[in-house]
Amino acid sequence: MRDIIIREVEPSEYEDIYELNSLLGYEYPKDKTKQRILHILINTKDTVLVAVIDSEIVGYIHGSPYEVLYSDSFMDVLGLAVKEKFKGVGIGYLLLNRLENVAKERAFRCLIIKVWLGISNASI
């Protein structure tokens, strides 16, 4: 397997995120995807990481702080997507692992992962 780089998303990569979202069945306009990435990176404490192989974005994960009154902060996984041809080689695992490390560095108590049962492409 070629080298897989996990790093923070860049605003210029909105077309790749749009494509990955489309694979999950989310038909959100490309220009709005760009605006959302910019908004999230500038105005929130969210973390958006991408998996890159040979300059191609092949997956992403989006984590967001989750506040409750009964515990220290959690991090909620809001999105995880991997291109079909790269599924089954550990990219989702690497993305989750890196997000888990970010959560630990920021002193989050746990990482919450939800699976939408109605999405036919969803898998763990």
PDB file of N, CA and C in Angstrom:
ATOM      1  N   MET A   1       0.843  -1.190   0.000  1.00  0.00           N
ATOM      2  CA  MET A   1       0.000   0.000   0.000  1.00  0.00           C
ATOM      3  C   MET A   1       0.878   1.240   0.000  1.00  0.00           C
ATOM      4  N   ARG A   2       0.467   2.204  -0.748  1.00  0.00           N
ATOM      5  CA  ARG A   2       1.189   3.478  -0.784  1.00  0.00           C
ATOM      6  C   ARG A   2       1.031   4.208   0.539  1.00  0.00           C
ATOM      7  N   ASP A   3       1.875   5.216   0.751  1.00  0.00           N
ATOM      8  CA  ASP A   3       1.823   5.992   1.989  1.00  0.00           C
ATOM      9  C   ASP A   3       0.480   6.723   2.101  1.00  0.00           C
ATOM     10  N   ILE A   4      -0.083   6.664   3.287  1.00  0.00           N
ATOM     11  CA  ILE A   4      -1.333   7.365   3.586  1.00  0.00           C
ATOM     12  C   ILE A   4      -0.999   8.477   4.561  1.00  0.00           C
ATOM     13  N   ILE A   5      -1.331   9.695   4.182  1.00  0.00           N
ATOM     14  CA  ILE A   5      -1.088  10.864   5.032  1.00  0.00           C
ATOM     15  C   ILE A   5      -2.419  11.306   5.611  1.00  0.00           C
ATOM     16  N   ILE A   6      -2.467  11.499   6.917  1.00  0.00           N
ATOM     17  CA  ILE A   6      -3.654  12.040   7.589  1.00  0.00           C
ATOM     18  C   ILE A   6      -3.294  13.441   8.057  1.00  0.00           C
ATOM     19  N   ARG A   7      -4.095  14.427   7.632  1.00  0.00           N
ATOM     20  CA  ARG A   7      -3.813  15.824   7.985  1.00  0.00           C
ATOM     21  C   ARG A   7      -5.115  16.606   7.999  1.00  0.00           C
ATOM     22  N   GLU A   8      -5.023  17.854   8.452  1.00  0.00           N
ATOM     23  CA  GLU A   8      -6.214  18.718   8.469  1.00  0.00           C
ATOM     24  C   GLU A   8      -6.621  19.094   7.046  1.00  0.00           C
ATOM     25  N   VAL A   9      -7.920  19.224   6.854  1.00  0.00           N
ATOM     26  CA  VAL A   9      -8.443  19.622   5.546  1.00  0.00           C
ATOM     27  C   VAL A   9      -8.049  21.061   5.236  1.00  0.00           C
ATOM     28  N   GLU A  10      -7.925  21.365   3.973  1.00  0.00           N
ATOM     29  CA  GLU A  10      -7.682  22.733   3.517  1.00  0.00           C
ATOM     30  C   GLU A  10      -8.924  23.202   2.759  1.00  0.00           C
ATOM     31  N   PRO A  11      -9.279  24.489   2.875  1.00  0.00           N
ATOM     32  CA  PRO A  11     -10.483  24.987   2.209  1.00  0.00           C
ATOM     33  C   PRO A  11     -10.523  24.695   0.709  1.00  0.00           C
ATOM     34  N   SER A  12      -9.375  24.674   0.071  1.00  0.00           N
ATOM     35  CA  SER A  12      -9.336  24.436  -1.374  1.00  0.00           C
ATOM     36  C   SER A  12      -9.747  23.010  -1.742  1.00  0.00           C
ATOM     37  N   GLU A  13      -9.910  22.134  -0.756  1.00  0.00           N
ATOM     38  CA  GLU A  13     -10.241  20.733  -1.021  1.00  0.00           C
ATOM     39  C   GLU A  13     -11.742  20.448  -0.949  1.00  0.00           C
ATOM     40  N   TYR A  14     -12.539  21.493  -1.051  1.00  0.00           N
ATOM     41  CA  TYR A  14     -13.985  21.350  -0.926  1.00  0.00           C
ATOM     42  C   TYR A  14     -14.590  20.432  -1.988  1.00  0.00           C
ATOM     43  N   GLU A  15     -14.022  20.401  -3.194  1.00  0.00           N
ATOM     44  CA  GLU A  15     -14.572  19.532  -4.237  1.00  0.00           C
ATOM     45  C   GLU A  15     -14.400  18.060  -3.864  1.00  0.00           C
ATOM     46  N   ASP A  16     -13.300  17.730  -3.222  1.00  0.00           N
ATOM     47  CA  ASP A  16     -13.074  16.353  -2.770  1.00  0.00           C
ATOM     48  C   ASP A  16     -14.070  15.979  -1.664  1.00  0.00           C
ATOM     49  N   ILE A  17     -14.298  16.900  -0.741  1.00  0.00           N
ATOM     50  CA  ILE A  17     -15.257  16.648   0.338  1.00  0.00           C
ATOM     51  C   ILE A  17     -16.656  16.520  -0.248  1.00  0.00           C
ATOM     52  N   TYR A  18     -16.990  17.366  -1.205  1.00  0.00           N
ATOM     53  CA  TYR A  18     -18.287  17.276  -1.890  1.00  0.00           C
ATOM     54  C   TYR A  18     -18.466  15.890  -2.516  1.00  0.00           C
ATOM     55  N   GLU A  19     -17.433  15.411  -3.188  1.00  0.00           N
ATOM     56  CA  GLU A  19     -17.496  14.096  -3.837  1.00  0.00           C
ATOM     57  C   GLU A  19     -17.699  12.983  -2.810  1.00  0.00           C
ATOM     58  N   LEU A  20     -16.951  13.051  -1.710  1.00  0.00           N
ATOM     59  CA  LEU A  20     -17.108  12.034  -0.665  1.00  0.00           C
ATOM     60  C   LEU A  20     -18.499  12.091  -0.045  1.00  0.00           C
ATOM     61  N   ASN A  21     -19.027  13.278   0.186  1.00  0.00           N
ATOM     62  CA  ASN A  21     -20.381  13.413   0.727  1.00  0.00           C
ATOM     63  C   ASN A  21     -21.416  12.841  -0.241  1.00  0.00           C
ATOM     64  N   SER A  22     -21.196  13.059  -1.527  1.00  0.00           N
ATOM     65  CA  SER A  22     -22.113  12.529  -2.542  1.00  0.00           C
ATOM     66  C   SER A  22     -22.156  11.008  -2.512  1.00  0.00           C
ATOM     67  N   LEU A  23     -21.015  10.382  -2.236  1.00  0.00           N
ATOM     68  CA  LEU A  23     -20.972   8.920  -2.145  1.00  0.00           C
ATOM     69  C   LEU A  23     -21.858   8.399  -1.018  1.00  0.00           C
ATOM     70  N   LEU A  24     -22.026   9.221   0.012  1.00  0.00           N
ATOM     71  CA  LEU A  24     -22.880   8.846   1.141  1.00  0.00           C
ATOM     72  C   LEU A  24     -24.346   9.201   0.907  1.00  0.00           C
ATOM     73  N   GLY A  25     -24.630   9.839  -0.222  1.00  0.00           N
ATOM     74  CA  GLY A  25     -26.001  10.200  -0.531  1.00  0.00           C
ATOM     75  C   GLY A  25     -26.383  11.606  -0.136  1.00  0.00           C
ATOM     76  N   TYR A  26     -25.418  12.400   0.318  1.00  0.00           N
ATOM     77  CA  TYR A  26     -25.698  13.786   0.690  1.00  0.00           C
ATOM     78  C   TYR A  26     -25.511  14.674  -0.528  1.00  0.00           C
ATOM     79  N   GLU A  27     -26.594  15.201  -1.036  1.00  0.00           N
ATOM     80  CA  GLU A  27     -26.540  16.073  -2.213  1.00  0.00           C
ATOM     81  C   GLU A  27     -26.600  17.530  -1.756  1.00  0.00           C
ATOM     82  N   TYR A  28     -25.491  18.015  -1.272  1.00  0.00           N
ATOM     83  CA  TYR A  28     -25.362  19.393  -0.800  1.00  0.00           C
ATOM     84  C   TYR A  28     -24.534  20.131  -1.829  1.00  0.00           C
ATOM     85  N   PRO A  29     -24.947  21.323  -2.251  1.00  0.00           N
ATOM     86  CA  PRO A  29     -24.247  22.030  -3.333  1.00  0.00           C
ATOM     87  C   PRO A  29     -22.749  22.232  -3.060  1.00  0.00           C
ATOM     88  N   LYS A  30     -21.974  22.154  -4.120  1.00  0.00           N
ATOM     89  CA  LYS A  30     -20.521  22.263  -4.026  1.00  0.00           C
ATOM     90  C   LYS A  30     -20.096  23.605  -3.432  1.00  0.00           C
ATOM     91  N   ASP A  31     -20.732  24.704  -3.871  1.00  0.00           N
ATOM     92  CA  ASP A  31     -20.349  26.017  -3.361  1.00  0.00           C
ATOM     93  C   ASP A  31     -20.674  26.156  -1.869  1.00  0.00           C
ATOM     94  N   LYS A  32     -21.768  25.529  -1.430  1.00  0.00           N
ATOM     95  CA  LYS A  32     -22.104  25.568  -0.007  1.00  0.00           C
ATOM     96  C   LYS A  32     -21.157  24.690   0.800  1.00  0.00           C
ATOM     97  N   THR A  33     -20.689  23.600   0.202  1.00  0.00           N
ATOM     98  CA  THR A  33     -19.702  22.755   0.873  1.00  0.00           C
ATOM     99  C   THR A  33     -18.451  23.570   1.161  1.00  0.00           C
ATOM    100  N   LYS A  34     -18.027  24.363   0.188  1.00  0.00           N
ATOM    101  CA  LYS A  34     -16.858  25.227   0.374  1.00  0.00           C
ATOM    102  C   LYS A  34     -17.109  26.217   1.515  1.00  0.00           C
ATOM    103  N   GLN A  35     -18.290  26.828   1.531  1.00  0.00           N
ATOM    104  CA  GLN A  35     -18.622  27.783   2.582  1.00  0.00           C
ATOM    105  C   GLN A  35     -18.643  27.118   3.955  1.00  0.00           C
ATOM    106  N   ARG A  36     -19.181  25.883   4.029  1.00  0.00           N
ATOM    107  CA  ARG A  36     -19.247  25.176   5.306  1.00  0.00           C
ATOM    108  C   ARG A  36     -17.856  24.857   5.840  1.00  0.00           C
ATOM    109  N   ILE A  37     -16.958  24.417   4.941  1.00  0.00           N
ATOM    110  CA  ILE A  37     -15.590  24.121   5.374  1.00  0.00           C
ATOM    111  C   ILE A  37     -14.945  25.378   5.945  1.00  0.00           C
ATOM    112  N   LEU A  38     -15.064  26.476   5.222  1.00  0.00           N
ATOM    113  CA  LEU A  38     -14.487  27.735   5.701  1.00  0.00           C
ATOM    114  C   LEU A  38     -15.082  28.127   7.055  1.00  0.00           C
ATOM    115  N   HIS A  39     -16.397  28.054   7.175  1.00  0.00           N
ATOM    116  CA  HIS A  39     -17.067  28.411   8.421  1.00  0.00           C
ATOM    117  C   HIS A  39     -16.575  27.527   9.569  1.00  0.00           C
ATOM    118  N   ILE A  40     -16.527  26.226   9.335  1.00  0.00           N
ATOM    119  CA  ILE A  40     -16.119  25.294  10.381  1.00  0.00           C
ATOM    120  C   ILE A  40     -14.677  25.545  10.811  1.00  0.00           C
ATOM    121  N   LEU A  41     -13.790  25.749   9.846  1.00  0.00           N
ATOM    122  CA  LEU A  41     -12.383  25.957  10.178  1.00  0.00           C
ATOM    123  C   LEU A  41     -12.144  27.271  10.917  1.00  0.00           C
ATOM    124  N   ILE A  42     -12.907  28.302  10.579  1.00  0.00           N
ATOM    125  CA  ILE A  42     -12.691  29.626  11.163  1.00  0.00           C
ATOM    126  C   ILE A  42     -13.468  29.830  12.457  1.00  0.00           C
ATOM    127  N   ASN A  43     -14.688  29.305  12.527  1.00  0.00           N
ATOM    128  CA  ASN A  43     -15.600  29.675  13.614  1.00  0.00           C
ATOM    129  C   ASN A  43     -15.889  28.596  14.643  1.00  0.00           C
ATOM    130  N   THR A  44     -15.336  27.406  14.490  1.00  0.00           N
ATOM    131  CA  THR A  44     -15.660  26.343  15.446  1.00  0.00           C
ATOM    132  C   THR A  44     -14.378  25.708  15.988  1.00  0.00           C
ATOM    133  N   LYS A  45     -14.555  24.823  16.926  1.00  0.00           N
ATOM    134  CA  LYS A  45     -13.440  24.041  17.467  1.00  0.00           C
ATOM    135  C   LYS A  45     -13.442  22.631  16.878  1.00  0.00           C
ATOM    136  N   ASP A  46     -14.172  22.454  15.792  1.00  0.00           N
ATOM    137  CA  ASP A  46     -14.254  21.156  15.130  1.00  0.00           C
ATOM    138  C   ASP A  46     -12.911  20.772  14.522  1.00  0.00           C
ATOM    139  N   THR A  47     -12.760  19.482  14.265  1.00  0.00           N
ATOM    140  CA  THR A  47     -11.581  18.949  13.603  1.00  0.00           C
ATOM    141  C   THR A  47     -12.030  18.220  12.350  1.00  0.00           C
ATOM    142  N   VAL A  48     -11.468  18.577  11.216  1.00  0.00           N
ATOM    143  CA  VAL A  48     -11.741  17.874   9.961  1.00  0.00           C
ATOM    144  C   VAL A  48     -10.398  17.398   9.416  1.00  0.00           C
ATOM    145  N   LEU A  49     -10.265  16.075   9.337  1.00  0.00           N
ATOM    146  CA  LEU A  49      -9.035  15.461   8.855  1.00  0.00           C
ATOM    147  C   LEU A  49      -9.294  14.759   7.527  1.00  0.00           C
ATOM    148  N   VAL A  50      -8.298  14.746   6.669  1.00  0.00           N
ATOM    149  CA  VAL A  50      -8.409  14.034   5.400  1.00  0.00           C
ATOM    150  C   VAL A  50      -7.318  12.973   5.318  1.00  0.00           C
ATOM    151  N   ALA A  51      -7.612  11.921   4.565  1.00  0.00           N
ATOM    152  CA  ALA A  51      -6.629  10.884   4.246  1.00  0.00           C
ATOM    153  C   ALA A  51      -6.206  11.127   2.802  1.00  0.00           C
ATOM    154  N   VAL A  52      -4.898  11.185   2.582  1.00  0.00           N
ATOM    155  CA  VAL A  52      -4.359  11.511   1.256  1.00  0.00           C
ATOM    156  C   VAL A  52      -3.403  10.401   0.817  1.00  0.00           C
ATOM    157  N   ILE A  53      -3.599   9.944  -0.427  1.00  0.00           N
ATOM    158  CA  ILE A  53      -2.689   8.987  -1.054  1.00  0.00           C
ATOM    159  C   ILE A  53      -2.282   9.570  -2.398  1.00  0.00           C
ATOM    160  N   ASP A  54      -0.991   9.753  -2.597  1.00  0.00           N
ATOM    161  CA  ASP A  54      -0.474  10.297  -3.862  1.00  0.00           C
ATOM    162  C   ASP A  54      -1.226  11.563  -4.291  1.00  0.00           C
ATOM    163  N   SER A  55      -1.387  12.495  -3.385  1.00  0.00           N
ATOM    164  CA  SER A  55      -2.058  13.783  -3.624  1.00  0.00           C
ATOM    165  C   SER A  55      -3.562  13.671  -3.853  1.00  0.00           C
ATOM    166  N   GLU A  56      -4.142  12.491  -3.689  1.00  0.00           N
ATOM    167  CA  GLU A  56      -5.587  12.295  -3.849  1.00  0.00           C
ATOM    168  C   GLU A  56      -6.236  12.150  -2.481  1.00  0.00           C
ATOM    169  N   ILE A  57      -7.275  12.941  -2.238  1.00  0.00           N
ATOM    170  CA  ILE A  57      -8.017  12.802  -0.991  1.00  0.00           C
ATOM    171  C   ILE A  57      -8.941  11.603  -1.147  1.00  0.00           C
ATOM    172  N   VAL A  58      -8.740  10.619  -0.258  1.00  0.00           N
ATOM    173  CA  VAL A  58      -9.482   9.368  -0.381  1.00  0.00           C
ATOM    174  C   VAL A  58     -10.471   9.167   0.766  1.00  0.00           C
ATOM    175  N   GLY A  59     -10.447  10.065   1.759  1.00  0.00           N
ATOM    176  CA  GLY A  59     -11.388   9.969   2.864  1.00  0.00           C
ATOM    177  C   GLY A  59     -11.280  11.165   3.786  1.00  0.00           C
ATOM    178  N   TYR A  60     -12.283  11.299   4.633  1.00  0.00           N
ATOM    179  CA  TYR A  60     -12.237  12.359   5.650  1.00  0.00           C
ATOM    180  C   TYR A  60     -13.019  11.945   6.875  1.00  0.00           C
ATOM    181  N   ILE A  61     -12.721  12.619   7.981  1.00  0.00           N
ATOM    182  CA  ILE A  61     -13.480  12.457   9.219  1.00  0.00           C
ATOM    183  C   ILE A  61     -13.688  13.848   9.819  1.00  0.00           C
ATOM    184  N   HIS A  62     -14.861  14.056  10.419  1.00  0.00           N
ATOM    185  CA  HIS A  62     -15.220  15.345  11.016  1.00  0.00           C
ATOM    186  C   HIS A  62     -15.634  15.096  12.463  1.00  0.00           C
ATOM    187  N   GLY A  63     -14.902  15.693  13.400  1.00  0.00           N
ATOM    188  CA  GLY A  63     -15.225  15.589  14.816  1.00  0.00           C
ATOM    189  C   GLY A  63     -15.579  16.950  15.389  1.00  0.00           C
ATOM    190  N   SER A  64     -16.530  16.950  16.320  1.00  0.00           N
ATOM    191  CA  SER A  64     -17.001  18.200  16.910  1.00  0.00           C
ATOM    192  C   SER A  64     -17.179  18.042  18.416  1.00  0.00           C
ATOM    193  N   PRO A  65     -16.817  19.071  19.194  1.00  0.00           N
ATOM    194  CA  PRO A  65     -17.041  19.002  20.636  1.00  0.00           C
ATOM    195  C   PRO A  65     -18.517  18.758  20.952  1.00  0.00           C
ATOM    196  N   TYR A  66     -18.741  17.970  21.969  1.00  0.00           N
ATOM    197  CA  TYR A  66     -20.088  17.592  22.396  1.00  0.00           C
ATOM    198  C   TYR A  66     -20.156  17.846  23.893  1.00  0.00           C
ATOM    199  N   GLU A  67     -20.944  18.819  24.260  1.00  0.00           N
ATOM    200  CA  GLU A  67     -20.994  19.243  25.663  1.00  0.00           C
ATOM    201  C   GLU A  67     -22.203  18.655  26.375  1.00  0.00           C
ATOM    202  N   VAL A  68     -21.969  18.184  27.577  1.00  0.00           N
ATOM    203  CA  VAL A  68     -23.036  17.668  28.430  1.00  0.00           C
ATOM    204  C   VAL A  68     -22.848  18.221  29.839  1.00  0.00           C
ATOM    205  N   LEU A  69     -23.872  18.099  30.660  1.00  0.00           N
ATOM    206  CA  LEU A  69     -23.821  18.617  32.027  1.00  0.00           C
ATOM    207  C   LEU A  69     -23.354  17.581  33.038  1.00  0.00           C
ATOM    208  N   TYR A  70     -23.159  16.328  32.607  1.00  0.00           N
ATOM    209  CA  TYR A  70     -22.830  15.267  33.541  1.00  0.00           C
ATOM    210  C   TYR A  70     -21.405  14.725  33.386  1.00  0.00           C
ATOM    211  N   SER A  71     -20.599  15.366  32.539  1.00  0.00           N
ATOM    212  CA  SER A  71     -19.255  14.858  32.304  1.00  0.00           C
ATOM    213  C   SER A  71     -18.408  15.944  31.649  1.00  0.00           C
ATOM    214  N   ASP A  72     -17.112  15.685  31.593  1.00  0.00           N
ATOM    215  CA  ASP A  72     -16.255  16.541  30.784  1.00  0.00           C
ATOM    216  C   ASP A  72     -16.659  16.383  29.320  1.00  0.00           C
ATOM    217  N   SER A  73     -16.154  17.222  28.473  1.00  0.00           N
ATOM    218  CA  SER A  73     -16.551  17.256  27.062  1.00  0.00           C
ATOM    219  C   SER A  73     -16.253  15.950  26.333  1.00  0.00           C
ATOM    220  N   PHE A  74     -17.131  15.641  25.373  1.00  0.00           N
ATOM    221  CA  PHE A  74     -16.949  14.515  24.463  1.00  0.00           C
ATOM    222  C   PHE A  74     -16.590  15.079  23.097  1.00  0.00           C
ATOM    223  N   MET A  75     -16.142  14.218  22.195  1.00  0.00           N
ATOM    224  CA  MET A  75     -16.016  14.590  20.791  1.00  0.00           C
ATOM    225  C   MET A  75     -16.938  13.668  19.996  1.00  0.00           C
ATOM    226  N   ASP A  76     -17.778  14.254  19.184  1.00  0.00           N
ATOM    227  CA  ASP A  76     -18.761  13.533  18.386  1.00  0.00           C
ATOM    228  C   ASP A  76     -18.246  13.410  16.947  1.00  0.00           C
ATOM    229  N   VAL A  77     -18.256  12.209  16.395  1.00  0.00           N
ATOM    230  CA  VAL A  77     -17.887  12.016  14.993  1.00  0.00           C
ATOM    231  C   VAL A  77     -19.121  12.347  14.156  1.00  0.00           C
ATOM    232  N   LEU A  78     -19.037  13.431  13.400  1.00  0.00           N
ATOM    233  CA  LEU A  78     -20.169  13.879  12.597  1.00  0.00           C
ATOM    234  C   LEU A  78     -20.148  13.328  11.178  1.00  0.00           C
ATOM    235  N   GLY A  79     -18.996  12.926  10.718  1.00  0.00           N
ATOM    236  CA  GLY A  79     -18.905  12.375   9.366  1.00  0.00           C
ATOM    237  C   GLY A  79     -17.635  11.576   9.192  1.00  0.00           C
ATOM    238  N   LEU A  80     -17.753  10.466   8.471  1.00  0.00           N
ATOM    239  CA  LEU A  80     -16.610   9.628   8.125  1.00  0.00           C
ATOM    240  C   LEU A  80     -16.909   9.030   6.765  1.00  0.00           C
ATOM    241  N   ALA A  81     -16.047   9.298   5.794  1.00  0.00           N
ATOM    242  CA  ALA A  81     -16.271   8.797   4.433  1.00  0.00           C
ATOM    243  C   ALA A  81     -14.939   8.382   3.814  1.00  0.00           C
ATOM    244  N   VAL A  82     -14.988   7.279   3.067  1.00  0.00           N
ATOM    245  CA  VAL A  82     -13.826   6.775   2.346  1.00  0.00           C
ATOM    246  C   VAL A  82     -14.285   6.388   0.947  1.00  0.00           C
ATOM    247  N   LYS A  83     -13.499   6.770  -0.056  1.00  0.00           N
ATOM    248  CA  LYS A  83     -13.827   6.392  -1.427  1.00  0.00           C
ATOM    249  C   LYS A  83     -13.915   4.878  -1.548  1.00  0.00           C
ATOM    250  N   GLU A  84     -14.869   4.420  -2.339  1.00  0.00           N
ATOM    251  CA  GLU A  84     -15.156   2.998  -2.476  1.00  0.00           C
ATOM    252  C   GLU A  84     -13.917   2.163  -2.787  1.00  0.00           C
ATOM    253  N   LYS A  85     -13.106   2.612  -3.742  1.00  0.00           N
ATOM    254  CA  LYS A  85     -11.954   1.806  -4.153  1.00  0.00           C
ATOM    255  C   LYS A  85     -10.857   1.719  -3.093  1.00  0.00           C
ATOM    256  N   PHE A  86     -10.993   2.522  -2.028  1.00  0.00           N
ATOM    257  CA  PHE A  86     -10.005   2.506  -0.949  1.00  0.00           C
ATOM    258  C   PHE A  86     -10.564   1.904   0.345  1.00  0.00           C
ATOM    259  N   LYS A  87     -11.797   1.405   0.301  1.00  0.00           N
ATOM    260  CA  LYS A  87     -12.373   0.772   1.492  1.00  0.00           C
ATOM    261  C   LYS A  87     -11.702  -0.574   1.722  1.00  0.00           C
ATOM    262  N   GLY A  88     -11.597  -0.934   2.980  1.00  0.00           N
ATOM    263  CA  GLY A  88     -11.055  -2.230   3.339  1.00  0.00           C
ATOM    264  C   GLY A  88      -9.545  -2.275   3.501  1.00  0.00           C
ATOM    265  N   VAL A  89      -8.886  -1.111   3.415  1.00  0.00           N
ATOM    266  CA  VAL A  89      -7.422  -1.097   3.558  1.00  0.00           C
ATOM    267  C   VAL A  89      -6.975  -0.335   4.820  1.00  0.00           C
ATOM    268  N   GLY A  90      -7.935   0.025   5.664  1.00  0.00           N
ATOM    269  CA  GLY A  90      -7.578   0.635   6.940  1.00  0.00           C
ATOM    270  C   GLY A  90      -7.617   2.152   6.991  1.00  0.00           C
ATOM    271  N   ILE A  91      -8.137   2.793   5.953  1.00  0.00           N
ATOM    272  CA  ILE A  91      -8.164   4.264   5.954  1.00  0.00           C
ATOM    273  C   ILE A  91      -9.129   4.790   7.011  1.00  0.00           C
ATOM    274  N   GLY A  92     -10.303   4.185   7.125  1.00  0.00           N
ATOM    275  CA  GLY A  92     -11.239   4.595   8.171  1.00  0.00           C
ATOM    276  C   GLY A  92     -10.636   4.439   9.551  1.00  0.00           C
ATOM    277  N   TYR A  93      -9.925   3.339   9.771  1.00  0.00           N
ATOM    278  CA  TYR A  93      -9.243   3.104  11.041  1.00  0.00           C
ATOM    279  C   TYR A  93      -8.210   4.201  11.316  1.00  0.00           C
ATOM    280  N   LEU A  94      -7.404   4.534  10.306  1.00  0.00           N
ATOM    281  CA  LEU A  94      -6.381   5.569  10.492  1.00  0.00           C
ATOM    282  C   LEU A  94      -7.007   6.922  10.817  1.00  0.00           C
ATOM    283  N   LEU A  95      -8.100   7.256  10.126  1.00  0.00           N
ATOM    284  CA  LEU A  95      -8.794   8.519  10.393  1.00  0.00           C
ATOM    285  C   LEU A  95      -9.344   8.537  11.822  1.00  0.00           C
ATOM    286  N   LEU A  96     -10.002   7.448  12.236  1.00  0.00           N
ATOM    287  CA  LEU A  96     -10.535   7.366  13.595  1.00  0.00           C
ATOM    288  C   LEU A  96      -9.421   7.431  14.633  1.00  0.00           C
ATOM    289  N   ASN A  97      -8.340   6.746  14.362  1.00  0.00           N
ATOM    290  CA  ASN A  97      -7.214   6.735  15.283  1.00  0.00           C
ATOM    291  C   ASN A  97      -6.640   8.129  15.470  1.00  0.00           C
ATOM    292  N   ARG A  98      -6.452   8.851  14.364  1.00  0.00           N
ATOM    293  CA  ARG A  98      -5.906  10.216  14.465  1.00  0.00           C
ATOM    294  C   ARG A  98      -6.879  11.131  15.196  1.00  0.00           C
ATOM    295  N   LEU A  99      -8.187  11.005  14.903  1.00  0.00           N
ATOM    296  CA  LEU A  99      -9.166  11.836  15.602  1.00  0.00           C
ATOM    297  C   LEU A  99      -9.186  11.497  17.089  1.00  0.00           C
ATOM    298  N   GLU A 100      -9.030  10.234  17.427  1.00  0.00           N
ATOM    299  CA  GLU A 100      -8.955   9.834  18.827  1.00  0.00           C
ATOM    300  C   GLU A 100      -7.760  10.503  19.509  1.00  0.00           C
ATOM    301  N   ASN A 101      -6.641  10.554  18.827  1.00  0.00           N
ATOM    302  CA  ASN A 101      -5.455  11.212  19.384  1.00  0.00           C
ATOM    303  C   ASN A 101      -5.695  12.704  19.590  1.00  0.00           C
ATOM    304  N   VAL A 102      -6.357  13.346  18.635  1.00  0.00           N
ATOM    305  CA  VAL A 102      -6.697  14.764  18.769  1.00  0.00           C
ATOM    306  C   VAL A 102      -7.597  14.950  19.988  1.00  0.00           C
ATOM    307  N   ALA A 103      -8.591  14.075  20.137  1.00  0.00           N
ATOM    308  CA  ALA A 103      -9.513  14.169  21.272  1.00  0.00           C
ATOM    309  C   ALA A 103      -8.760  14.034  22.597  1.00  0.00           C
ATOM    310  N   LYS A 104      -7.826  13.096  22.663  1.00  0.00           N
ATOM    311  CA  LYS A 104      -7.037  12.925  23.883  1.00  0.00           C
ATOM    312  C   LYS A 104      -6.177  14.156  24.158  1.00  0.00           C
ATOM    313  N   GLU A 105      -5.545  14.686  23.115  1.00  0.00           N
ATOM    314  CA  GLU A 105      -4.705  15.882  23.278  1.00  0.00           C
ATOM    315  C   GLU A 105      -5.510  17.059  23.810  1.00  0.00           C
ATOM    316  N   ARG A 106      -6.771  17.133  23.437  1.00  0.00           N
ATOM    317  CA  ARG A 106      -7.630  18.238  23.858  1.00  0.00           C
ATOM    318  C   ARG A 106      -8.438  17.899  25.104  1.00  0.00           C
ATOM    319  N   ALA A 107      -8.113  16.788  25.738  1.00  0.00           N
ATOM    320  CA  ALA A 107      -8.716  16.368  27.013  1.00  0.00           C
ATOM    321  C   ALA A 107     -10.206  16.045  26.914  1.00  0.00           C
ATOM    322  N   PHE A 108     -10.666  15.549  25.780  1.00  0.00           N
ATOM    323  CA  PHE A 108     -12.048  15.070  25.681  1.00  0.00           C
ATOM    324  C   PHE A 108     -12.151  13.735  26.405  1.00  0.00           C
ATOM    325  N   ARG A 109     -13.284  13.486  27.017  1.00  0.00           N
ATOM    326  CA  ARG A 109     -13.486  12.267  27.795  1.00  0.00           C
ATOM    327  C   ARG A 109     -13.676  11.043  26.915  1.00  0.00           C
ATOM    328  N   CYS A 110     -14.377  11.186  25.797  1.00  0.00           N
ATOM    329  CA  CYS A 110     -14.601  10.046  24.913  1.00  0.00           C
ATOM    330  C   CYS A 110     -14.927  10.540  23.502  1.00  0.00           C
ATOM    331  N   LEU A 111     -14.905   9.605  22.581  1.00  0.00           N
ATOM    332  CA  LEU A 111     -15.225   9.852  21.176  1.00  0.00           C
ATOM    333  C   LEU A 111     -16.532   9.108  20.906  1.00  0.00           C
ATOM    334  N   ILE A 112     -17.538   9.819  20.410  1.00  0.00           N
ATOM    335  CA  ILE A 112     -18.847   9.215  20.152  1.00  0.00           C
ATOM    336  C   ILE A 112     -18.989   8.980  18.651  1.00  0.00           C
ATOM    337  N   ILE A 113     -19.334   7.734  18.305  1.00  0.00           N
ATOM    338  CA  ILE A 113     -19.525   7.369  16.899  1.00  0.00           C
ATOM    339  C   ILE A 113     -20.945   6.847  16.741  1.00  0.00           C
ATOM    340  N   LYS A 114     -21.661   7.403  15.764  1.00  0.00           N
ATOM    341  CA  LYS A 114     -23.024   6.956  15.478  1.00  0.00           C
ATOM    342  C   LYS A 114     -23.053   6.409  14.050  1.00  0.00           C
ATOM    343  N   VAL A 115     -23.844   5.380  13.829  1.00  0.00           N
ATOM    344  CA  VAL A 115     -24.006   4.829  12.486  1.00  0.00           C
ATOM    345  C   VAL A 115     -25.459   5.006  12.078  1.00  0.00           C
ATOM    346  N   TRP A 116     -25.660   5.687  10.947  1.00  0.00           N
ATOM    347  CA  TRP A 116     -26.996   5.880  10.408  1.00  0.00           C
ATOM    348  C   TRP A 116     -27.422   4.589   9.723  1.00  0.00           C
ATOM    349  N   LEU A 117     -28.432   3.947  10.251  1.00  0.00           N
ATOM    350  CA  LEU A 117     -28.849   2.659   9.711  1.00  0.00           C
ATOM    351  C   LEU A 117     -29.509   2.780   8.349  1.00  0.00           C
ATOM    352  N   GLY A 118     -29.999   3.948   8.010  1.00  0.00           N
ATOM    353  CA  GLY A 118     -30.681   4.131   6.735  1.00  0.00           C
ATOM    354  C   GLY A 118     -29.774   4.395   5.546  1.00  0.00           C
ATOM    355  N   ILE A 119     -28.469   4.544   5.768  1.00  0.00           N
ATOM    356  CA  ILE A 119     -27.537   4.811   4.667  1.00  0.00           C
ATOM    357  C   ILE A 119     -26.953   3.483   4.204  1.00  0.00           C
ATOM    358  N   SER A 120     -27.264   3.119   2.972  1.00  0.00           N
ATOM    359  CA  SER A 120     -26.840   1.809   2.472  1.00  0.00           C
ATOM    360  C   SER A 120     -25.323   1.693   2.343  1.00  0.00           C
ATOM    361  N   ASN A 121     -24.617   2.816   2.190  1.00  0.00           N
ATOM    362  CA  ASN A 121     -23.150   2.782   2.040  1.00  0.00           C
ATOM    363  C   ASN A 121     -22.434   2.768   3.375  1.00  0.00           C
ATOM    364  N   ALA A 122     -23.163   2.900   4.477  1.00  0.00           N
ATOM    365  CA  ALA A 122     -22.516   2.992   5.782  1.00  0.00           C
ATOM    366  C   ALA A 122     -21.964   1.641   6.191  1.00  0.00           C
ATOM    367  N   SER A 123     -20.726   1.664   6.637  1.00  0.00           N
ATOM    368  CA  SER A 123     -20.115   0.443   7.162  1.00  0.00           C
ATOM    369  C   SER A 123     -18.999   0.827   8.095  1.00  0.00           C
ATOM    370  N   ILE A 124     -18.648  -0.083   8.948  1.00  0.00           N
ATOM    371  CA  ILE A 124     -17.549   0.161   9.879  1.00  0.00           C
ATOM    372  C   ILE A 124     -16.489  -0.889   9.634  1.00  0.00           C
TER     373      ILE A 124
END
